Amino acid sequence: MRPIILAYVLLLGGVATSIAVHTTAAIASSLQLFTTEPQAQHHCPHDTVVWLNTASGIYHLKGERWYGNTKHGAYVCEKEADAAGDRETENGQ
């Protein structure tokens, strides 16, 4: 999962100060990670369960090579993964 950083510039006494706010924790808290596919399906019965490579933020669909087979990962709901900024694999693996 890639971090999202928002930068704000404040003018304090004529001096510009930038503050970076790291929002990954807020987004990640809305993303439920599951160790088994049935647990994820129970959480999101009307959504597709995908395997999320948590190190890269790329998810894989059932039947693809890396579904359930990356070193760091979890089963998640596709809509939640999309909302968290993760994306589907581009090469179908």
C-alpha atoms as a PDB file:
ATOM      1  CA  MET A   1       0.000   0.000   0.000  1.00  0.00           C
ATOM      2  CA  ARG A   2       1.466   3.288  -1.049  1.00  0.00           C
ATOM      3  CA  PRO A   3       1.283   6.151   1.464  1.00  0.00           C
ATOM      4  CA  ILE A   4      -0.634   9.245   0.544  1.00  0.00           C
ATOM      5  CA  ILE A   5       0.869  12.490   1.687  1.00  0.00           C
ATOM      6  CA  LEU A   6      -1.005  15.757   1.706  1.00  0.00           C
ATOM      7  CA  ALA A   7       0.999  18.938   2.057  1.00  0.00           C
ATOM      8  CA  TYR A   8      -0.392  22.140   3.511  1.00  0.00           C
ATOM      9  CA  VAL A   9       1.308  25.504   3.452  1.00  0.00           C
ATOM     10  CA  LEU A  10       0.614  27.853   6.330  1.00  0.00           C
ATOM     11  CA  LEU A  11       1.524  31.495   6.478  1.00  0.00           C
ATOM     12  CA  LEU A  12       2.657  32.235  10.002  1.00  0.00           C
ATOM     13  CA  GLY A  13       3.866  35.765  10.552  1.00  0.00           C
ATOM     14  CA  GLY A  14       4.758  36.094   6.873  1.00  0.00           C
ATOM     15  CA  VAL A  15       6.812  32.879   6.890  1.00  0.00           C
ATOM     16  CA  ALA A  16       5.574  29.959   4.785  1.00  0.00           C
ATOM     17  CA  THR A  17       5.594  26.698   6.702  1.00  0.00           C
ATOM     18  CA  SER A  18       4.661  23.385   5.118  1.00  0.00           C
ATOM     19  CA  ILE A  19       3.132  20.542   7.060  1.00  0.00           C
ATOM     20  CA  ALA A  20       2.851  17.028   5.649  1.00  0.00           C
ATOM     21  CA  VAL A  21       0.009  14.876   6.835  1.00  0.00           C
ATOM     22  CA  HIS A  22       0.369  11.136   6.355  1.00  0.00           C
ATOM     23  CA  THR A  23      -3.086   9.673   5.689  1.00  0.00           C
ATOM     24  CA  THR A  24      -2.247   6.018   5.101  1.00  0.00           C
ATOM     25  CA  ALA A  25      -3.268   5.050   8.639  1.00  0.00           C
ATOM     26  CA  ALA A  26      -6.706   6.569   8.169  1.00  0.00           C
ATOM     27  CA  ILE A  27      -7.220   4.767   4.871  1.00  0.00           C
ATOM     28  CA  ALA A  28      -5.767   1.486   6.103  1.00  0.00           C
ATOM     29  CA  SER A  29      -8.111   1.499   9.067  1.00  0.00           C
ATOM     30  CA  SER A  30     -11.056   1.245   6.648  1.00  0.00           C
ATOM     31  CA  LEU A  31      -9.454  -1.709   4.856  1.00  0.00           C
ATOM     32  CA  GLN A  32     -10.189  -4.996   6.592  1.00  0.00           C
ATOM     33  CA  LEU A  33      -7.508  -7.672   6.075  1.00  0.00           C
ATOM     34  CA  PHE A  34      -8.380 -11.366   6.354  1.00  0.00           C
ATOM     35  CA  THR A  35      -6.235 -14.490   6.551  1.00  0.00           C
ATOM     36  CA  THR A  36      -8.791 -16.685   4.775  1.00  0.00           C
ATOM     37  CA  GLU A  37     -11.004 -16.211   1.753  1.00  0.00           C
ATOM     38  CA  PRO A  38     -14.224 -17.276   3.583  1.00  0.00           C
ATOM     39  CA  GLN A  39     -13.636 -14.643   6.284  1.00  0.00           C
ATOM     40  CA  ALA A  40     -13.333 -11.939   3.653  1.00  0.00           C
ATOM     41  CA  GLN A  41     -16.411 -13.184   1.779  1.00  0.00           C
ATOM     42  CA  HIS A  42     -18.415 -13.106   5.012  1.00  0.00           C
ATOM     43  CA  HIS A  43     -17.348  -9.476   5.534  1.00  0.00           C
ATOM     44  CA  CYS A  44     -18.321  -8.419   1.996  1.00  0.00           C
ATOM     45  CA  PRO A  45     -20.943 -10.855   0.676  1.00  0.00           C
ATOM     46  CA  HIS A  46     -21.855  -8.633  -2.299  1.00  0.00           C
ATOM     47  CA  ASP A  47     -18.312  -7.846  -3.412  1.00  0.00           C
ATOM     48  CA  THR A  48     -15.424  -9.697  -5.019  1.00  0.00           C
ATOM     49  CA  VAL A  49     -12.725 -11.025  -2.697  1.00  0.00           C
ATOM     50  CA  VAL A  50      -9.221 -10.299  -3.957  1.00  0.00           C
ATOM     51  CA  TRP A  51      -5.719 -11.077  -2.708  1.00  0.00           C
ATOM     52  CA  LEU A  52      -3.882  -7.881  -1.826  1.00  0.00           C
ATOM     53  CA  ASN A  53      -0.102  -7.809  -1.891  1.00  0.00           C
ATOM     54  CA  THR A  54       0.236  -5.522   1.108  1.00  0.00           C
ATOM     55  CA  ALA A  55       3.822  -4.614   0.249  1.00  0.00           C
ATOM     56  CA  SER A  56       2.987  -3.266  -3.222  1.00  0.00           C
ATOM     57  CA  GLY A  57      -0.683  -2.284  -2.990  1.00  0.00           C
ATOM     58  CA  ILE A  58      -1.538  -4.458  -6.000  1.00  0.00           C
ATOM     59  CA  TYR A  59      -4.347  -6.990  -5.810  1.00  0.00           C
ATOM     60  CA  HIS A  60      -5.009 -10.207  -7.708  1.00  0.00           C
ATOM     61  CA  LEU A  61      -8.255 -11.922  -8.686  1.00  0.00           C
ATOM     62  CA  LYS A  62      -9.094 -15.562  -7.979  1.00  0.00           C
ATOM     63  CA  GLY A  63      -7.541 -17.812 -10.606  1.00  0.00           C
ATOM     64  CA  GLU A  64      -4.569 -15.552 -11.216  1.00  0.00           C
ATOM     65  CA  ARG A  65      -1.021 -16.738 -10.492  1.00  0.00           C
ATOM     66  CA  TRP A  66      -0.412 -14.623  -7.375  1.00  0.00           C
ATOM     67  CA  TYR A  67      -3.873 -14.980  -5.777  1.00  0.00           C
ATOM     68  CA  GLY A  68      -3.054 -16.068  -2.222  1.00  0.00           C
ATOM     69  CA  ASN A  69       0.609 -16.522  -3.129  1.00  0.00           C
ATOM     70  CA  THR A  70       2.592 -13.382  -2.361  1.00  0.00           C
ATOM     71  CA  LYS A  71       5.017 -13.133   0.536  1.00  0.00           C
ATOM     72  CA  HIS A  72       3.041 -10.329   2.206  1.00  0.00           C
ATOM     73  CA  GLY A  73      -0.685 -10.245   1.664  1.00  0.00           C
ATOM     74  CA  ALA A  74      -4.251 -10.728   2.773  1.00  0.00           C
ATOM     75  CA  TYR A  75      -7.724 -11.329   1.412  1.00  0.00           C
ATOM     76  CA  VAL A  76      -9.750  -8.126   1.107  1.00  0.00           C
ATOM     77  CA  CYS A  77     -12.908  -6.784  -0.505  1.00  0.00           C
ATOM     78  CA  GLU A  78     -12.204  -5.280  -3.921  1.00  0.00           C
ATOM     79  CA  LYS A  79     -14.230  -2.107  -3.299  1.00  0.00           C
ATOM     80  CA  GLU A  80     -12.407  -1.462  -0.017  1.00  0.00           C
ATOM     81  CA  ALA A  81      -9.041  -2.029  -1.717  1.00  0.00           C
ATOM     82  CA  ASP A  82      -9.951   0.446  -4.458  1.00  0.00           C
ATOM     83  CA  ALA A  83     -11.085   3.014  -1.885  1.00  0.00           C
ATOM     84  CA  ALA A  84      -7.781   2.602  -0.023  1.00  0.00           C
ATOM     85  CA  GLY A  85      -5.804   3.426  -3.172  1.00  0.00           C
ATOM     86  CA  ASP A  86      -4.759  -0.106  -4.088  1.00  0.00           C
ATOM     87  CA  ARG A  87      -5.100  -1.305  -7.672  1.00  0.00           C
ATOM     88  CA  GLU A  88      -5.618  -4.435  -9.728  1.00  0.00           C
ATOM     89  CA  THR A  89      -2.640  -6.105 -11.369  1.00  0.00           C
ATOM     90  CA  GLU A  90      -2.052  -4.907 -14.917  1.00  0.00           C
ATOM     91  CA  ASN A  91      -0.628  -8.143 -16.294  1.00  0.00           C
ATOM     92  CA  GLY A  92      -3.322 -10.578 -15.169  1.00  0.00           C
ATOM     93  CA  GLN A  93      -1.008 -12.528 -12.901  1.00  0.00           C
END
